[in-house]
Amino acid sequence: MEENACHPQACAIQDCLSKSNYNEDKCKRQIDALYECCNTFYQQHGDNASSVSCPKAGLLRLKMKQRGLEK
């Protein structure tokens, strides 16, 4: 399994947060990109797959719904 799936997107969030004084609002694009990547990862590998960069599948779907990203 791809334990490091979506790692570049997670790193982009960390970079953005450190550059923006940890203002999450300024990093929405990077956070959305991570969630989209993780969603694709779970679609390809199933909900029981795991990646250190992705929230669990159920939590990911909840967060995507909250952000208006559901497909």
PDB file of N, CA and C in Angstrom:
ATOM      1  N   MET A   1       0.849  -1.195   0.000  1.00  0.00           N
ATOM      2  CA  MET A   1       0.000   0.000   0.000  1.00  0.00           C
ATOM      3  C   MET A   1       0.887   1.250   0.000  1.00  0.00           C
ATOM      4  N   GLU A   2       0.363   2.304  -0.521  1.00  0.00           N
ATOM      5  CA  GLU A   2       1.105   3.569  -0.623  1.00  0.00           C
ATOM      6  C   GLU A   2       1.041   4.348   0.675  1.00  0.00           C
ATOM      7  N   GLU A   3       1.945   4.049   1.579  1.00  0.00           N
ATOM      8  CA  GLU A   3       1.920   4.714   2.875  1.00  0.00           C
ATOM      9  C   GLU A   3       2.217   6.202   2.755  1.00  0.00           C
ATOM     10  N   ASN A   4       2.939   6.602   1.712  1.00  0.00           N
ATOM     11  CA  ASN A   4       3.300   8.014   1.536  1.00  0.00           C
ATOM     12  C   ASN A   4       2.441   8.717   0.490  1.00  0.00           C
ATOM     13  N   ALA A   5       1.287   8.144   0.165  1.00  0.00           N
ATOM     14  CA  ALA A   5       0.405   8.779  -0.812  1.00  0.00           C
ATOM     15  C   ALA A   5       0.062  10.186  -0.341  1.00  0.00           C
ATOM     16  N   CYS A   6       0.093  11.133  -1.251  1.00  0.00           N
ATOM     17  CA  CYS A   6      -0.296  12.525  -1.007  1.00  0.00           C
ATOM     18  C   CYS A   6       0.698  13.284  -0.128  1.00  0.00           C
ATOM     19  N   HIS A   7       1.876  12.733   0.067  1.00  0.00           N
ATOM     20  CA  HIS A   7       2.891  13.389   0.891  1.00  0.00           C
ATOM     21  C   HIS A   7       3.268  14.777   0.352  1.00  0.00           C
ATOM     22  N   PRO A   8       3.443  14.951  -0.974  1.00  0.00           N
ATOM     23  CA  PRO A   8       3.776  16.305  -1.471  1.00  0.00           C
ATOM     24  C   PRO A   8       2.708  17.342  -1.124  1.00  0.00           C
ATOM     25  N   GLN A   9       1.434  16.932  -1.160  1.00  0.00           N
ATOM     26  CA  GLN A   9       0.352  17.858  -0.826  1.00  0.00           C
ATOM     27  C   GLN A   9       0.385  18.214   0.661  1.00  0.00           C
ATOM     28  N   ALA A  10       0.686  17.236   1.501  1.00  0.00           N
ATOM     29  CA  ALA A  10       0.787  17.500   2.934  1.00  0.00           C
ATOM     30  C   ALA A  10       1.949  18.452   3.217  1.00  0.00           C
ATOM     31  N   CYS A  11       3.050  18.263   2.520  1.00  0.00           N
ATOM     32  CA  CYS A  11       4.205  19.160   2.690  1.00  0.00           C
ATOM     33  C   CYS A  11       3.869  20.577   2.238  1.00  0.00           C
ATOM     34  N   ALA A  12       3.081  20.690   1.172  1.00  0.00           N
ATOM     35  CA  ALA A  12       2.687  22.012   0.678  1.00  0.00           C
ATOM     36  C   ALA A  12       1.870  22.756   1.734  1.00  0.00           C
ATOM     37  N   ILE A  13       1.033  22.028   2.472  1.00  0.00           N
ATOM     38  CA  ILE A  13       0.254  22.651   3.549  1.00  0.00           C
ATOM     39  C   ILE A  13       1.201  23.165   4.630  1.00  0.00           C
ATOM     40  N   GLN A  14       2.151  22.347   5.030  1.00  0.00           N
ATOM     41  CA  GLN A  14       3.104  22.764   6.065  1.00  0.00           C
ATOM     42  C   GLN A  14       3.897  23.994   5.620  1.00  0.00           C
ATOM     43  N   ASP A  15       4.337  24.000   4.373  1.00  0.00           N
ATOM     44  CA  ASP A  15       5.072  25.156   3.844  1.00  0.00           C
ATOM     45  C   ASP A  15       4.212  26.409   3.888  1.00  0.00           C
ATOM     46  N   CYS A  16       2.964  26.261   3.441  1.00  0.00           N
ATOM     47  CA  CYS A  16       2.049  27.399   3.410  1.00  0.00           C
ATOM     48  C   CYS A  16       1.791  27.907   4.825  1.00  0.00           C
ATOM     49  N   LEU A  17       1.523  27.009   5.745  1.00  0.00           N
ATOM     50  CA  LEU A  17       1.237  27.423   7.120  1.00  0.00           C
ATOM     51  C   LEU A  17       2.415  28.157   7.739  1.00  0.00           C
ATOM     52  N   SER A  18       3.616  27.644   7.513  1.00  0.00           N
ATOM     53  CA  SER A  18       4.778  28.308   8.115  1.00  0.00           C
ATOM     54  C   SER A  18       5.013  29.683   7.499  1.00  0.00           C
ATOM     55  N   LYS A  19       4.699  29.846   6.217  1.00  0.00           N
ATOM     56  CA  LYS A  19       4.885  31.141   5.556  1.00  0.00           C
ATOM     57  C   LYS A  19       3.776  32.138   5.889  1.00  0.00           C
ATOM     58  N   SER A  20       2.632  31.630   6.328  1.00  0.00           N
ATOM     59  CA  SER A  20       1.483  32.510   6.590  1.00  0.00           C
ATOM     60  C   SER A  20       1.210  32.668   8.087  1.00  0.00           C
ATOM     61  N   ASN A  21       2.225  32.407   8.907  1.00  0.00           N
ATOM     62  CA  ASN A  21       2.060  32.551  10.350  1.00  0.00           C
ATOM     63  C   ASN A  21       0.953  31.632  10.879  1.00  0.00           C
ATOM     64  N   TYR A  22       0.849  30.454  10.288  1.00  0.00           N
ATOM     65  CA  TYR A  22      -0.114  29.425  10.676  1.00  0.00           C
ATOM     66  C   TYR A  22      -1.569  29.884  10.568  1.00  0.00           C
ATOM     67  N   ASN A  23      -1.836  30.692   9.548  1.00  0.00           N
ATOM     68  CA  ASN A  23      -3.197  31.121   9.255  1.00  0.00           C
ATOM     69  C   ASN A  23      -3.786  30.137   8.244  1.00  0.00           C
ATOM     70  N   GLU A  24      -4.615  29.221   8.725  1.00  0.00           N
ATOM     71  CA  GLU A  24      -5.166  28.167   7.882  1.00  0.00           C
ATOM     72  C   GLU A  24      -5.989  28.725   6.726  1.00  0.00           C
ATOM     73  N   ASP A  25      -6.645  29.870   6.927  1.00  0.00           N
ATOM     74  CA  ASP A  25      -7.459  30.463   5.865  1.00  0.00           C
ATOM     75  C   ASP A  25      -6.639  30.764   4.617  1.00  0.00           C
ATOM     76  N   LYS A  26      -5.366  31.056   4.785  1.00  0.00           N
ATOM     77  CA  LYS A  26      -4.513  31.380   3.642  1.00  0.00           C
ATOM     78  C   LYS A  26      -4.015  30.135   2.917  1.00  0.00           C
ATOM     79  N   CYS A  27      -4.322  28.962   3.442  1.00  0.00           N
ATOM     80  CA  CYS A  27      -3.824  27.709   2.861  1.00  0.00           C
ATOM     81  C   CYS A  27      -4.957  26.798   2.383  1.00  0.00           C
ATOM     82  N   LYS A  28      -6.124  27.363   2.152  1.00  0.00           N
ATOM     83  CA  LYS A  28      -7.277  26.556   1.752  1.00  0.00           C
ATOM     84  C   LYS A  28      -7.019  25.770   0.475  1.00  0.00           C
ATOM     85  N   ARG A  29      -6.347  26.389  -0.481  1.00  0.00           N
ATOM     86  CA  ARG A  29      -6.095  25.711  -1.758  1.00  0.00           C
ATOM     87  C   ARG A  29      -5.249  24.461  -1.543  1.00  0.00           C
ATOM     88  N   GLN A  30      -4.239  24.555  -0.692  1.00  0.00           N
ATOM     89  CA  GLN A  30      -3.366  23.422  -0.420  1.00  0.00           C
ATOM     90  C   GLN A  30      -4.101  22.325   0.362  1.00  0.00           C
ATOM     91  N   ILE A  31      -4.941  22.738   1.302  1.00  0.00           N
ATOM     92  CA  ILE A  31      -5.712  21.768   2.075  1.00  0.00           C
ATOM     93  C   ILE A  31      -6.701  21.039   1.168  1.00  0.00           C
ATOM     94  N   ASP A  32      -7.380  21.794   0.306  1.00  0.00           N
ATOM     95  CA  ASP A  32      -8.310  21.173  -0.631  1.00  0.00           C
ATOM     96  C   ASP A  32      -7.583  20.196  -1.552  1.00  0.00           C
ATOM     97  N   ALA A  33      -6.380  20.552  -1.986  1.00  0.00           N
ATOM     98  CA  ALA A  33      -5.603  19.669  -2.864  1.00  0.00           C
ATOM     99  C   ALA A  33      -5.251  18.362  -2.147  1.00  0.00           C
ATOM    100  N   LEU A  34      -4.907  18.452  -0.866  1.00  0.00           N
ATOM    101  CA  LEU A  34      -4.620  17.236  -0.102  1.00  0.00           C
ATOM    102  C   LEU A  34      -5.870  16.367  -0.012  1.00  0.00           C
ATOM    103  N   TYR A  35      -7.001  16.966   0.310  1.00  0.00           N
ATOM    104  CA  TYR A  35      -8.233  16.190   0.438  1.00  0.00           C
ATOM    105  C   TYR A  35      -8.613  15.532  -0.887  1.00  0.00           C
ATOM    106  N   GLU A  36      -8.443  16.244  -1.989  1.00  0.00           N
ATOM    107  CA  GLU A  36      -8.741  15.659  -3.307  1.00  0.00           C
ATOM    108  C   GLU A  36      -7.808  14.479  -3.585  1.00  0.00           C
ATOM    109  N   CYS A  37      -6.534  14.649  -3.260  1.00  0.00           N
ATOM    110  CA  CYS A  37      -5.561  13.570  -3.449  1.00  0.00           C
ATOM    111  C   CYS A  37      -5.938  12.355  -2.601  1.00  0.00           C
ATOM    112  N   CYS A  38      -6.245  12.592  -1.347  1.00  0.00           N
ATOM    113  CA  CYS A  38      -6.604  11.498  -0.444  1.00  0.00           C
ATOM    114  C   CYS A  38      -7.879  10.806  -0.900  1.00  0.00           C
ATOM    115  N   ASN A  39      -8.838  11.569  -1.383  1.00  0.00           N
ATOM    116  CA  ASN A  39     -10.081  10.992  -1.889  1.00  0.00           C
ATOM    117  C   ASN A  39      -9.786  10.045  -3.047  1.00  0.00           C
ATOM    118  N   THR A  40      -8.933  10.466  -3.968  1.00  0.00           N
ATOM    119  CA  THR A  40      -8.534   9.609  -5.090  1.00  0.00           C
ATOM    120  C   THR A  40      -7.812   8.364  -4.578  1.00  0.00           C
ATOM    121  N   PHE A  41      -6.936   8.547  -3.602  1.00  0.00           N
ATOM    122  CA  PHE A  41      -6.209   7.421  -3.005  1.00  0.00           C
ATOM    123  C   PHE A  41      -7.187   6.376  -2.473  1.00  0.00           C
ATOM    124  N   TYR A  42      -8.201   6.810  -1.713  1.00  0.00           N
ATOM    125  CA  TYR A  42      -9.162   5.864  -1.154  1.00  0.00           C
ATOM    126  C   TYR A  42     -10.030   5.235  -2.236  1.00  0.00           C
ATOM    127  N   GLN A  43     -10.347   5.979  -3.275  1.00  0.00           N
ATOM    128  CA  GLN A  43     -11.124   5.400  -4.380  1.00  0.00           C
ATOM    129  C   GLN A  43     -10.336   4.280  -5.057  1.00  0.00           C
ATOM    130  N   GLN A  44      -9.030   4.453  -5.162  1.00  0.00           N
ATOM    131  CA  GLN A  44      -8.198   3.465  -5.835  1.00  0.00           C
ATOM    132  C   GLN A  44      -7.851   2.269  -4.945  1.00  0.00           C
ATOM    133  N   HIS A  45      -7.687   2.492  -3.641  1.00  0.00           N
ATOM    134  CA  HIS A  45      -7.177   1.453  -2.751  1.00  0.00           C
ATOM    135  C   HIS A  45      -8.170   0.967  -1.704  1.00  0.00           C
ATOM    136  N   GLY A  46      -9.325   1.598  -1.616  1.00  0.00           N
ATOM    137  CA  GLY A  46     -10.336   1.185  -0.643  1.00  0.00           C
ATOM    138  C   GLY A  46     -10.218   1.955   0.670  1.00  0.00           C
ATOM    139  N   ASP A  47     -11.305   1.972   1.415  1.00  0.00           N
ATOM    140  CA  ASP A  47     -11.384   2.760   2.644  1.00  0.00           C
ATOM    141  C   ASP A  47     -10.467   2.270   3.759  1.00  0.00           C
ATOM    142  N   ASN A  48     -10.002   1.038   3.677  1.00  0.00           N
ATOM    143  CA  ASN A  48      -9.131   0.508   4.731  1.00  0.00           C
ATOM    144  C   ASN A  48      -7.657   0.754   4.453  1.00  0.00           C
ATOM    145  N   ALA A  49      -7.357   1.356   3.322  1.00  0.00           N
ATOM    146  CA  ALA A  49      -5.968   1.702   3.007  1.00  0.00           C
ATOM    147  C   ALA A  49      -5.520   2.792   3.978  1.00  0.00           C
ATOM    148  N   SER A  50      -4.211   2.963   4.100  1.00  0.00           N
ATOM    149  CA  SER A  50      -3.751   4.031   4.978  1.00  0.00           C
ATOM    150  C   SER A  50      -2.573   4.768   4.370  1.00  0.00           C
ATOM    151  N   SER A  51      -2.563   6.049   4.616  1.00  0.00           N
ATOM    152  CA  SER A  51      -1.467   6.920   4.217  1.00  0.00           C
ATOM    153  C   SER A  51      -1.204   7.856   5.386  1.00  0.00           C
ATOM    154  N   VAL A  52       0.063   8.044   5.719  1.00  0.00           N
ATOM    155  CA  VAL A  52       0.379   8.919   6.848  1.00  0.00           C
ATOM    156  C   VAL A  52      -0.073  10.354   6.593  1.00  0.00           C
ATOM    157  N   SER A  53      -0.292  10.714   5.333  1.00  0.00           N
ATOM    158  CA  SER A  53      -0.663  12.087   4.988  1.00  0.00           C
ATOM    159  C   SER A  53      -2.167  12.314   4.938  1.00  0.00           C
ATOM    160  N   CYS A  54      -2.947  11.243   4.982  1.00  0.00           N
ATOM    161  CA  CYS A  54      -4.403  11.368   4.809  1.00  0.00           C
ATOM    162  C   CYS A  54      -5.164  11.028   6.081  1.00  0.00           C
ATOM    163  N   PRO A  55      -6.249  11.785   6.337  1.00  0.00           N
ATOM    164  CA  PRO A  55      -7.136  11.381   7.420  1.00  0.00           C
ATOM    165  C   PRO A  55      -7.833  10.071   7.037  1.00  0.00           C
ATOM    166  N   LYS A  56      -8.358   9.353   8.004  1.00  0.00           N
ATOM    167  CA  LYS A  56      -9.123   8.138   7.714  1.00  0.00           C
ATOM    168  C   LYS A  56     -10.248   8.480   6.737  1.00  0.00           C
ATOM    169  N   ALA A  57     -10.675   7.482   5.959  1.00  0.00           N
ATOM    170  CA  ALA A  57     -11.632   7.714   4.874  1.00  0.00           C
ATOM    171  C   ALA A  57     -12.914   8.395   5.348  1.00  0.00           C
ATOM    172  N   GLY A  58     -13.489   7.944   6.457  1.00  0.00           N
ATOM    173  CA  GLY A  58     -14.731   8.538   6.948  1.00  0.00           C
ATOM    174  C   GLY A  58     -14.551   9.992   7.349  1.00  0.00           C
ATOM    175  N   LEU A  59     -13.462  10.286   8.029  1.00  0.00           N
ATOM    176  CA  LEU A  59     -13.175  11.656   8.435  1.00  0.00           C
ATOM    177  C   LEU A  59     -12.895  12.530   7.214  1.00  0.00           C
ATOM    178  N   LEU A  60     -12.192  11.971   6.240  1.00  0.00           N
ATOM    179  CA  LEU A  60     -11.917  12.708   5.003  1.00  0.00           C
ATOM    180  C   LEU A  60     -13.223  13.122   4.329  1.00  0.00           C
ATOM    181  N   ARG A  61     -14.158  12.194   4.209  1.00  0.00           N
ATOM    182  CA  ARG A  61     -15.438  12.517   3.561  1.00  0.00           C
ATOM    183  C   ARG A  61     -16.193  13.598   4.338  1.00  0.00           C
ATOM    184  N   LEU A  62     -16.160  13.524   5.651  1.00  0.00           N
ATOM    185  CA  LEU A  62     -16.805  14.548   6.475  1.00  0.00           C
ATOM    186  C   LEU A  62     -16.158  15.913   6.229  1.00  0.00           C
ATOM    187  N   LYS A  63     -14.840  15.953   6.236  1.00  0.00           N
ATOM    188  CA  LYS A  63     -14.150  17.224   6.025  1.00  0.00           C
ATOM    189  C   LYS A  63     -14.412  17.757   4.621  1.00  0.00           C
ATOM    190  N   MET A  64     -14.446  16.873   3.625  1.00  0.00           N
ATOM    191  CA  MET A  64     -14.733  17.324   2.257  1.00  0.00           C
ATOM    192  C   MET A  64     -16.155  17.885   2.173  1.00  0.00           C
ATOM    193  N   LYS A  65     -17.088  17.236   2.840  1.00  0.00           N
ATOM    194  CA  LYS A  65     -18.474  17.724   2.852  1.00  0.00           C
ATOM    195  C   LYS A  65     -18.536  19.101   3.498  1.00  0.00           C
ATOM    196  N   GLN A  66     -17.828  19.279   4.625  1.00  0.00           N
ATOM    197  CA  GLN A  66     -17.816  20.558   5.316  1.00  0.00           C
ATOM    198  C   GLN A  66     -17.228  21.659   4.432  1.00  0.00           C
ATOM    199  N   ARG A  67     -16.286  21.309   3.584  1.00  0.00           N
ATOM    200  CA  ARG A  67     -15.618  22.290   2.715  1.00  0.00           C
ATOM    201  C   ARG A  67     -16.315  22.432   1.353  1.00  0.00           C
ATOM    202  N   GLY A  68     -17.387  21.665   1.131  1.00  0.00           N
ATOM    203  CA  GLY A  68     -18.101  21.748  -0.136  1.00  0.00           C
ATOM    204  C   GLY A  68     -17.352  21.093  -1.282  1.00  0.00           C
ATOM    205  N   LEU A  69     -16.555  20.068  -0.975  1.00  0.00           N
ATOM    206  CA  LEU A  69     -15.742  19.410  -1.998  1.00  0.00           C
ATOM    207  C   LEU A  69     -16.289  18.059  -2.430  1.00  0.00           C
ATOM    208  N   GLU A  70     -17.443  17.660  -1.906  1.00  0.00           N
ATOM    209  CA  GLU A  70     -17.921  16.310  -2.227  1.00  0.00           C
ATOM    210  C   GLU A  70     -18.246  16.195  -3.701  1.00  0.00           C
ATOM    211  N   LYS A  71     -18.050  14.984  -4.197  1.00  0.00           N
ATOM    212  CA  LYS A  71     -18.288  14.722  -5.622  1.00  0.00           C
ATOM    213  C   LYS A  71     -19.644  14.086  -5.788  1.00  0.00           C
TER     214      LYS A  71
END
